PDB file of N, CA and C in Angstrom:
ATOM      1  N   MET A   1     313.835  61.401 139.319  1.00  0.00           N
ATOM      2  CA  MET A   1     315.178  61.565 138.815  1.00  0.00           C
ATOM      3  C   MET A   1     315.262  60.817 137.497  1.00  0.00           C
ATOM      4  N   SER A   2     315.775  61.451 136.457  1.00  0.00           N
ATOM      5  CA  SER A   2     315.894  60.819 135.156  1.00  0.00           C
ATOM      6  C   SER A   2     317.343  60.482 134.885  1.00  0.00           C
ATOM      7  N   ALA A   3     317.541  59.352 134.238  1.00  0.00           N
ATOM      8  CA  ALA A   3     318.884  58.940 133.872  1.00  0.00           C
ATOM      9  C   ALA A   3     319.272  59.588 132.558  1.00  0.00           C
ATOM     10  N   ALA A   4     320.552  59.792 132.344  1.00  0.00           N
ATOM     11  CA  ALA A   4     321.036  60.341 131.087  1.00  0.00           C
ATOM     12  C   ALA A   4     320.789  59.336 129.978  1.00  0.00           C
ATOM     13  N   PRO A   5     320.604  59.809 128.741  1.00  0.00           N
ATOM     14  CA  PRO A   5     320.329  58.916 127.639  1.00  0.00           C
ATOM     15  C   PRO A   5     321.404  57.855 127.427  1.00  0.00           C
ATOM     16  N   SER A   6     322.638  58.133 127.869  1.00  0.00           N
ATOM     17  CA  SER A   6     323.710  57.178 127.651  1.00  0.00           C
ATOM     18  C   SER A   6     323.788  56.107 128.735  1.00  0.00           C
ATOM     19  N   SER A   7     322.892  56.144 129.713  1.00  0.00           N
ATOM     20  CA  SER A   7     322.898  55.157 130.789  1.00  0.00           C
ATOM     21  C   SER A   7     322.562  53.782 130.240  1.00  0.00           C
ATOM     22  N   PRO A   8     323.176  52.722 130.794  1.00  0.00           N
ATOM     23  CA  PRO A   8     322.856  51.371 130.363  1.00  0.00           C
ATOM     24  C   PRO A   8     321.377  51.082 130.589  1.00  0.00           C
ATOM     25  N   ALA A   9     320.752  50.390 129.642  1.00  0.00           N
ATOM     26  CA  ALA A   9     319.318  50.121 129.745  1.00  0.00           C
ATOM     27  C   ALA A   9     318.985  48.766 129.157  1.00  0.00           C
ATOM     28  N   ALA A  10     317.844  48.237 129.582  1.00  0.00           N
ATOM     29  CA  ALA A  10     317.272  47.019 129.009  1.00  0.00           C
ATOM     30  C   ALA A  10     315.818  47.333 128.708  1.00  0.00           C
ATOM     31  N   THR A  11     315.310  46.827 127.590  1.00  0.00           N
ATOM     32  CA  THR A  11     313.925  47.076 127.201  1.00  0.00           C
ATOM     33  C   THR A  11     313.180  45.757 127.108  1.00  0.00           C
ATOM     34  N   ILE A  12     311.975  45.721 127.668  1.00  0.00           N
ATOM     35  CA  ILE A  12     311.109  44.554 127.525  1.00  0.00           C
ATOM     36  C   ILE A  12     310.368  44.734 126.210  1.00  0.00           C
ATOM     37  N   LYS A  13     310.690  43.901 125.223  1.00  0.00           N
ATOM     38  CA  LYS A  13     310.157  44.059 123.872  1.00  0.00           C
ATOM     39  C   LYS A  13     308.640  44.087 123.812  1.00  0.00           C
ATOM     40  N   SER A  14     307.976  43.242 124.565  1.00  0.00           N
ATOM     41  CA  SER A  14     306.520  43.129 124.472  1.00  0.00           C
ATOM     42  C   SER A  14     305.778  44.345 125.006  1.00  0.00           C
ATOM     43  N   THR A  15     306.436  45.148 125.863  1.00  0.00           N
ATOM     44  CA  THR A  15     305.746  46.289 126.477  1.00  0.00           C
ATOM     45  C   THR A  15     306.388  47.635 126.192  1.00  0.00           C
ATOM     46  N   GLY A  16     307.648  47.651 125.780  1.00  0.00           N
ATOM     47  CA  GLY A  16     308.353  48.909 125.568  1.00  0.00           C
ATOM     48  C   GLY A  16     308.897  49.520 126.841  1.00  0.00           C
ATOM     49  N   ILE A  17     308.675  48.883 127.975  1.00  0.00           N
ATOM     50  CA  ILE A  17     309.173  49.381 129.262  1.00  0.00           C
ATOM     51  C   ILE A  17     310.693  49.240 129.285  1.00  0.00           C
ATOM     52  N   ARG A  18     311.363  50.284 129.784  1.00  0.00           N
ATOM     53  CA  ARG A  18     312.826  50.273 129.882  1.00  0.00           C
ATOM     54  C   ARG A  18     313.253  50.271 131.343  1.00  0.00           C
ATOM     55  N   VAL A  19     314.324  49.536 131.626  1.00  0.00           N
ATOM     56  CA  VAL A  19     314.968  49.548 132.937  1.00  0.00           C
ATOM     57  C   VAL A  19     316.299  50.245 132.710  1.00  0.00           C
ATOM     58  N   VAL A  20     316.515  51.359 133.413  1.00  0.00           N
ATOM     59  CA  VAL A  20     317.697  52.182 133.193  1.00  0.00           C
ATOM     60  C   VAL A  20     318.493  52.295 134.487  1.00  0.00           C
ATOM     61  N   ALA A  21     319.782  51.944 134.412  1.00  0.00           N
ATOM     62  CA  ALA A  21     320.665  52.138 135.568  1.00  0.00           C
ATOM     63  C   ALA A  21     320.787  53.631 135.811  1.00  0.00           C
ATOM     64  N   VAL A  22     320.670  54.065 137.053  1.00  0.00           N
ATOM     65  CA  VAL A  22     320.753  55.498 137.354  1.00  0.00           C
ATOM     66  C   VAL A  22     322.191  55.897 137.610  1.00  0.00           C
ATOM     67  N   GLY A  23     322.449  57.196 137.502  1.00  0.00           N
ATOM     68  CA  GLY A  23     323.792  57.704 137.756  1.00  0.00           C
ATOM     69  C   GLY A  23     324.411  58.389 136.561  1.00  0.00           C
ATOM     70  N   GLY A  24     323.628  58.598 135.492  1.00  0.00           N
ATOM     71  CA  GLY A  24     324.142  59.305 134.319  1.00  0.00           C
ATOM     72  C   GLY A  24     325.247  58.528 133.625  1.00  0.00           C
ATOM     73  N   ASP A  25     326.288  59.245 133.165  1.00  0.00           N
ATOM     74  CA  ASP A  25     327.369  58.623 132.404  1.00  0.00           C
ATOM     75  C   ASP A  25     328.154  57.608 133.227  1.00  0.00           C
ATOM     76  N   SER A  26     328.134  57.765 134.552  1.00  0.00           N
ATOM     77  CA  SER A  26     328.899  56.851 135.401  1.00  0.00           C
ATOM     78  C   SER A  26     328.060  55.669 135.872  1.00  0.00           C
ATOM     79  N   ALA A  27     326.844  55.513 135.320  1.00  0.00           N
ATOM     80  CA  ALA A  27     325.973  54.402 135.744  1.00  0.00           C
ATOM     81  C   ALA A  27     326.666  53.075 135.491  1.00  0.00           C
ATOM     82  N   ASP A  28     326.604  52.223 136.471  1.00  0.00           N
ATOM     83  CA  ASP A  28     327.247  50.919 136.389  1.00  0.00           C
ATOM     84  C   ASP A  28     326.193  49.850 136.148  1.00  0.00           C
ATOM     85  N   PRO A  29     326.161  49.237 134.942  1.00  0.00           N
ATOM     86  CA  PRO A  29     325.149  48.220 134.676  1.00  0.00           C
ATOM     87  C   PRO A  29     325.259  47.025 135.618  1.00  0.00           C
ATOM     88  N   ALA A  30     326.430  46.812 136.200  1.00  0.00           N
ATOM     89  CA  ALA A  30     326.606  45.703 137.137  1.00  0.00           C
ATOM     90  C   ALA A  30     325.857  45.973 138.438  1.00  0.00           C
ATOM     91  N   ALA A  31     325.477  47.231 138.680  1.00  0.00           N
ATOM     92  CA  ALA A  31     324.746  47.583 139.897  1.00  0.00           C
ATOM     93  C   ALA A  31     323.268  47.205 139.790  1.00  0.00           C
ATOM     94  N   VAL A  32     322.848  46.753 138.603  1.00  0.00           N
ATOM     95  CA  VAL A  32     321.468  46.343 138.372  1.00  0.00           C
ATOM     96  C   VAL A  32     321.460  44.872 137.993  1.00  0.00           C
ATOM     97  N   SER A  33     320.625  44.100 138.677  1.00  0.00           N
ATOM     98  CA  SER A  33     320.506  42.671 138.414  1.00  0.00           C
ATOM     99  C   SER A  33     319.179  42.392 137.722  1.00  0.00           C
ATOM    100  N   LEU A  34     319.228  41.712 136.565  1.00  0.00           N
ATOM    101  CA  LEU A  34     318.031  41.307 135.831  1.00  0.00           C
ATOM    102  C   LEU A  34     317.938  39.784 135.864  1.00  0.00           C
ATOM    103  N   THR A  35     316.803  39.268 136.316  1.00  0.00           N
ATOM    104  CA  THR A  35     316.581  37.826 136.352  1.00  0.00           C
ATOM    105  C   THR A  35     315.301  37.515 135.598  1.00  0.00           C
ATOM    106  N   SER A  36     315.430  36.757 134.531  1.00  0.00           N
ATOM    107  CA  SER A  36     314.280  36.387 133.717  1.00  0.00           C
ATOM    108  C   SER A  36     313.681  35.092 134.253  1.00  0.00           C
ATOM    109  N   CYS A  37     312.447  35.154 134.701  1.00  0.00           N
ATOM    110  CA  CYS A  37     311.759  33.967 135.196  1.00  0.00           C
ATOM    111  C   CYS A  37     311.104  33.269 134.005  1.00  0.00           C
ATOM    112  N   PRO A  38     311.400  32.002 133.759  1.00  0.00           N
ATOM    113  CA  PRO A  38     310.835  31.300 132.607  1.00  0.00           C
ATOM    114  C   PRO A  38     309.308  31.380 132.582  1.00  0.00           C
ATOM    115  N   GLY A  39     308.771  31.959 131.499  1.00  0.00           N
ATOM    116  CA  GLY A  39     307.327  32.098 131.358  1.00  0.00           C
ATOM    117  C   GLY A  39     306.719  33.141 132.275  1.00  0.00           C
ATOM    118  N   GLY A  40     307.568  33.882 132.989  1.00  0.00           N
ATOM    119  CA  GLY A  40     307.063  34.841 133.964  1.00  0.00           C
ATOM    120  C   GLY A  40     307.702  36.199 133.833  1.00  0.00           C
ATOM    121  N   PRO A  41     307.781  36.925 134.938  1.00  0.00           N
ATOM    122  CA  PRO A  41     308.252  38.309 134.905  1.00  0.00           C
ATOM    123  C   PRO A  41     309.765  38.440 134.799  1.00  0.00           C
ATOM    124  N   LEU A  42     310.188  39.679 134.634  1.00  0.00           N
ATOM    125  CA  LEU A  42     311.586  40.045 134.710  1.00  0.00           C
ATOM    126  C   LEU A  42     311.786  40.664 136.084  1.00  0.00           C
ATOM    127  N   LEU A  43     312.607  40.032 136.924  1.00  0.00           N
ATOM    128  CA  LEU A  43     312.901  40.570 138.252  1.00  0.00           C
ATOM    129  C   LEU A  43     314.071  41.528 138.136  1.00  0.00           C
ATOM    130  N   VAL A  44     313.918  42.718 138.699  1.00  0.00           N
ATOM    131  CA  VAL A  44     314.955  43.743 138.609  1.00  0.00           C
ATOM    132  C   VAL A  44     315.321  44.190 140.014  1.00  0.00           C
ATOM    133  N   ARG A  45     316.636  44.178 140.293  1.00  0.00           N
ATOM    134  CA  ARG A  45     317.148  44.584 141.609  1.00  0.00           C
ATOM    135  C   ARG A  45     318.274  45.583 141.404  1.00  0.00           C
ATOM    136  N   GLY A  46     318.407  46.520 142.330  1.00  0.00           N
ATOM    137  CA  GLY A  46     319.544  47.434 142.285  1.00  0.00           C
ATOM    138  C   GLY A  46     319.156  48.891 142.175  1.00  0.00           C
ATOM    139  N   ASP A  47     320.081  49.693 141.629  1.00  0.00           N
ATOM    140  CA  ASP A  47     319.917  51.135 141.504  1.00  0.00           C
ATOM    141  C   ASP A  47     319.456  51.452 140.079  1.00  0.00           C
ATOM    142  N   PHE A  48     318.137  51.527 139.878  1.00  0.00           N
ATOM    143  CA  PHE A  48     317.574  51.679 138.543  1.00  0.00           C
ATOM    144  C   PHE A  48     316.283  52.480 138.605  1.00  0.00           C
ATOM    145  N   GLU A  49     315.821  52.883 137.442  1.00  0.00           N
ATOM    146  CA  GLU A  49     314.485  53.446 137.324  1.00  0.00           C
ATOM    147  C   GLU A  49     313.779  52.740 136.181  1.00  0.00           C
ATOM    148  N   VAL A  50     312.456  52.761 136.234  1.00  0.00           N
ATOM    149  CA  VAL A  50     311.619  52.137 135.218  1.00  0.00           C
ATOM    150  C   VAL A  50     311.027  53.269 134.391  1.00  0.00           C
ATOM    151  N   GLN A  51     311.149  53.149 133.052  1.00  0.00           N
ATOM    152  CA  GLN A  51     310.647  54.182 132.163  1.00  0.00           C
ATOM    153  C   GLN A  51     309.640  53.611 131.177  1.00  0.00           C
ATOM    154  N   ALA A  52     308.612  54.406 130.872  1.00  0.00           N
ATOM    155  CA  ALA A  52     307.668  54.050 129.812  1.00  0.00           C
ATOM    156  C   ALA A  52     308.382  54.249 128.478  1.00  0.00           C
ATOM    157  N   ASP A  53     307.763  53.767 127.394  1.00  0.00           N
ATOM    158  CA  ASP A  53     308.411  53.882 126.086  1.00  0.00           C
ATOM    159  C   ASP A  53     308.631  55.325 125.646  1.00  0.00           C
ATOM    160  N   ASP A  54     307.917  56.288 126.245  1.00  0.00           N
ATOM    161  CA  ASP A  54     308.121  57.699 125.911  1.00  0.00           C
ATOM    162  C   ASP A  54     309.156  58.371 126.820  1.00  0.00           C
ATOM    163  N   GLY A  55     309.790  57.595 127.711  1.00  0.00           N
ATOM    164  CA  GLY A  55     310.819  58.116 128.603  1.00  0.00           C
ATOM    165  C   GLY A  55     310.325  58.578 129.957  1.00  0.00           C
ATOM    166  N   THR A  56     309.017  58.579 130.169  1.00  0.00           N
ATOM    167  CA  THR A  56     308.444  58.978 131.453  1.00  0.00           C
ATOM    168  C   THR A  56     308.851  57.980 132.529  1.00  0.00           C
ATOM    169  N   VAL A  57     309.344  58.494 133.658  1.00  0.00           N
ATOM    170  CA  VAL A  57     309.745  57.619 134.760  1.00  0.00           C
ATOM    171  C   VAL A  57     308.496  57.130 135.490  1.00  0.00           C
ATOM    172  N   ILE A  58     308.421  55.817 135.696  1.00  0.00           N
ATOM    173  CA  ILE A  58     307.303  55.203 136.412  1.00  0.00           C
ATOM    174  C   ILE A  58     307.749  54.993 137.855  1.00  0.00           C
ATOM    175  N   PRO A  59     307.075  55.650 138.803  1.00  0.00           N
ATOM    176  CA  PRO A  59     307.478  55.530 140.209  1.00  0.00           C
ATOM    177  C   PRO A  59     307.410  54.078 140.699  1.00  0.00           C
ATOM    178  N   LYS A  60     308.406  53.706 141.471  1.00  0.00           N
ATOM    179  CA  LYS A  60     308.409  52.370 142.080  1.00  0.00           C
ATOM    180  C   LYS A  60     308.589  52.552 143.574  1.00  0.00           C
ATOM    181  N   ASN A  61     308.029  51.635 144.342  1.00  0.00           N
ATOM    182  CA  ASN A  61     308.128  51.779 145.791  1.00  0.00           C
ATOM    183  C   ASN A  61     308.932  50.647 146.425  1.00  0.00           C
ATOM    184  N   ARG A  62     309.719  49.960 145.610  1.00  0.00           N
ATOM    185  CA  ARG A  62     310.543  48.855 146.112  1.00  0.00           C
ATOM    186  C   ARG A  62     311.901  48.876 145.439  1.00  0.00           C
ATOM    187  N   GLU A  63     312.876  48.247 146.069  1.00  0.00           N
ATOM    188  CA  GLU A  63     314.198  48.119 145.457  1.00  0.00           C
ATOM    189  C   GLU A  63     314.241  46.953 144.474  1.00  0.00           C
ATOM    190  N   THR A  64     313.339  45.987 144.641  1.00  0.00           N
ATOM    191  CA  THR A  64     313.222  44.855 143.727  1.00  0.00           C
ATOM    192  C   THR A  64     311.811  44.866 143.166  1.00  0.00           C
ATOM    193  N   VAL A  65     311.684  44.788 141.842  1.00  0.00           N
ATOM    194  CA  VAL A  65     310.369  44.781 141.212  1.00  0.00           C
ATOM    195  C   VAL A  65     310.266  43.611 140.238  1.00  0.00           C
ATOM    196  N   ALA A  66     309.022  43.199 139.948  1.00  0.00           N
ATOM    197  CA  ALA A  66     308.738  42.166 138.952  1.00  0.00           C
ATOM    198  C   ALA A  66     307.976  42.845 137.822  1.00  0.00           C
ATOM    199  N   LEU A  67     308.594  42.896 136.635  1.00  0.00           N
ATOM    200  CA  LEU A  67     307.982  43.542 135.489  1.00  0.00           C
ATOM    201  C   LEU A  67     307.293  42.508 134.604  1.00  0.00           C
ATOM    202  N   CYS A  68     306.062  42.812 134.205  1.00  0.00           N
ATOM    203  CA  CYS A  68     305.274  41.917 133.364  1.00  0.00           C
ATOM    204  C   CYS A  68     305.903  41.788 131.981  1.00  0.00           C
ATOM    205  N   ARG A  69     306.011  40.544 131.496  1.00  0.00           N
ATOM    206  CA  ARG A  69     306.465  40.296 130.132  1.00  0.00           C
ATOM    207  C   ARG A  69     305.383  39.629 129.303  1.00  0.00           C
ATOM    208  N   CYS A  70     304.322  39.126 129.946  1.00  0.00           N
ATOM    209  CA  CYS A  70     303.274  38.403 129.215  1.00  0.00           C
ATOM    210  C   CYS A  70     302.227  39.347 128.634  1.00  0.00           C
ATOM    211  N   THR A  71     302.225  40.591 129.042  1.00  0.00           N
ATOM    212  CA  THR A  71     301.286  41.654 128.660  1.00  0.00           C
ATOM    213  C   THR A  71     299.874  41.429 129.193  1.00  0.00           C
ATOM    214  N   GLY A  72     299.678  40.476 130.083  1.00  0.00           N
ATOM    215  CA  GLY A  72     298.354  40.198 130.620  1.00  0.00           C
ATOM    216  C   GLY A  72     298.053  40.838 131.960  1.00  0.00           C
ATOM    217  N   SER A  73     299.045  41.408 132.610  1.00  0.00           N
ATOM    218  CA  SER A  73     298.866  41.988 133.935  1.00  0.00           C
ATOM    219  C   SER A  73     297.875  43.145 133.921  1.00  0.00           C
ATOM    220  N   LYS A  74     297.091  43.240 134.965  1.00  0.00           N
ATOM    221  CA  LYS A  74     296.153  44.359 135.102  1.00  0.00           C
ATOM    222  C   LYS A  74     296.794  45.543 135.822  1.00  0.00           C
ATOM    223  N   ILE A  75     298.038  45.369 136.281  1.00  0.00           N
ATOM    224  CA  ILE A  75     298.743  46.458 136.970  1.00  0.00           C
ATOM    225  C   ILE A  75     300.064  46.774 136.260  1.00  0.00           C
ATOM    226  N   LYS A  76     300.055  46.716 134.933  1.00  0.00           N
ATOM    227  CA  LYS A  76     301.271  46.967 134.146  1.00  0.00           C
ATOM    228  C   LYS A  76     301.912  48.280 134.555  1.00  0.00           C
ATOM    229  N   PRO A  77     303.214  48.367 134.614  1.00  0.00           N
ATOM    230  CA  PRO A  77     304.179  47.408 134.102  1.00  0.00           C
ATOM    231  C   PRO A  77     304.525  46.303 135.089  1.00  0.00           C
ATOM    232  N   TRP A  78     303.894  46.296 136.241  1.00  0.00           N
ATOM    233  CA  TRP A  78     304.212  45.322 137.280  1.00  0.00           C
ATOM    234  C   TRP A  78     303.513  43.995 137.001  1.00  0.00           C
ATOM    235  N   CYS A  79     304.117  42.921 137.415  1.00  0.00           N
ATOM    236  CA  CYS A  79     303.547  41.582 137.268  1.00  0.00           C
ATOM    237  C   CYS A  79     302.495  41.358 138.358  1.00  0.00           C
ATOM    238  N   ASP A  80     301.350  40.775 137.962  1.00  0.00           N
ATOM    239  CA  ASP A  80     300.322  40.427 138.945  1.00  0.00           C
ATOM    240  C   ASP A  80     300.070  38.925 138.986  1.00  0.00           C
ATOM    241  N   GLY A  81     300.917  38.154 138.297  1.00  0.00           N
ATOM    242  CA  GLY A  81     300.794  36.700 138.306  1.00  0.00           C
ATOM    243  C   GLY A  81     299.914  36.142 137.199  1.00  0.00           C
ATOM    244  N   THR A  82     299.395  36.992 136.324  1.00  0.00           N
ATOM    245  CA  THR A  82     298.517  36.541 135.245  1.00  0.00           C
ATOM    246  C   THR A  82     299.179  35.506 134.352  1.00  0.00           C
ATOM    247  N   HIS A  83     300.498  35.579 134.196  1.00  0.00           N
ATOM    248  CA  HIS A  83     301.204  34.628 133.333  1.00  0.00           C
ATOM    249  C   HIS A  83     300.933  33.178 133.734  1.00  0.00           C
ATOM    250  N   LYS A  84     300.621  32.949 134.994  1.00  0.00           N
ATOM    251  CA  LYS A  84     300.340  31.590 135.464  1.00  0.00           C
ATOM    252  C   LYS A  84     299.043  31.051 134.884  1.00  0.00           C
ATOM    253  N   LEU A  85     298.131  31.954 134.487  1.00  0.00           N
ATOM    254  CA  LEU A  85     296.831  31.547 133.948  1.00  0.00           C
ATOM    255  C   LEU A  85     296.834  31.415 132.428  1.00  0.00           C
ATOM    256  N   LEU A  86     297.844  31.995 131.783  1.00  0.00           N
ATOM    257  CA  LEU A  86     297.895  31.981 130.323  1.00  0.00           C
ATOM    258  C   LEU A  86     298.475  30.676 129.807  1.00  0.00           C
ATOM    259  N   LYS A  87     298.006  30.246 128.681  1.00  0.00           N
ATOM    260  CA  LYS A  87     298.484  28.994 128.076  1.00  0.00           C
ATOM    261  C   LYS A  87     299.465  29.313 126.962  1.00  0.00           C
ATOM    262  N   ARG A  88     300.518  30.064 127.264  1.00  0.00           N
ATOM    263  CA  ARG A  88     301.519  30.429 126.279  1.00  0.00           C
ATOM    264  C   ARG A  88     302.838  29.727 126.575  1.00  0.00           C
ATOM    265  N   PRO A  89     303.549  29.337 125.545  1.00  0.00           N
ATOM    266  CA  PRO A  89     304.888  28.775 125.768  1.00  0.00           C
ATOM    267  C   PRO A  89     305.820  29.857 126.336  1.00  0.00           C
ATOM    268  N   ALA A  90     306.803  29.462 127.089  1.00  0.00           N
ATOM    269  CA  ALA A  90     307.744  30.398 127.720  1.00  0.00           C
ATOM    270  C   ALA A  90     308.423  31.279 126.694  1.00  0.00           C
ATOM    271  N   ALA A  91     308.668  30.781 125.482  1.00  0.00           N
ATOM    272  CA  ALA A  91     309.360  31.553 124.451  1.00  0.00           C
ATOM    273  C   ALA A  91     308.578  32.804 124.070  1.00  0.00           C
ATOM    274  N   GLU A  92     307.276  32.843 124.265  1.00  0.00           N
ATOM    275  CA  GLU A  92     306.477  34.006 123.888  1.00  0.00           C
ATOM    276  C   GLU A  92     306.579  35.136 124.891  1.00  0.00           C
ATOM    277  N   THR A  93     307.128  34.889 126.063  1.00  0.00           N
ATOM    278  CA  THR A  93     307.253  35.933 127.077  1.00  0.00           C
ATOM    279  C   THR A  93     308.718  36.311 127.254  1.00  0.00           C
ATOM    280  N   GLU A  94     309.379  36.613 126.143  1.00  0.00           N
ATOM    281  CA  GLU A  94     310.792  36.961 126.199  1.00  0.00           C
ATOM    282  C   GLU A  94     310.991  38.410 126.578  1.00  0.00           C
ATOM    283  N   ALA A  95     312.182  38.730 127.068  1.00  0.00           N
ATOM    284  CA  ALA A  95     312.502  40.113 127.459  1.00  0.00           C
ATOM    285  C   ALA A  95     312.772  40.948 126.238  1.00  0.00           C
TER     286      ALA A  95
END
């Protein structure tokens, strides 16, 4: 299911991955919770879909996902914990 272009969205700058609230024009951004873990992933909960930078929907099998922001994960766009091994300041893994 694809969201309408006018749906509220957030983009992870380092990867181009977008989190889009589903429901078309009536999508409620409050129905999606984004939690930025310092130096780690972006936790996303709620009624959303994950899109690649070209708009392709990336299937998810959970209602809550952890999206990689460090770009080191081997299972992108999902976080695999690689950020714990990297010696980068938290500011470099911004959303």
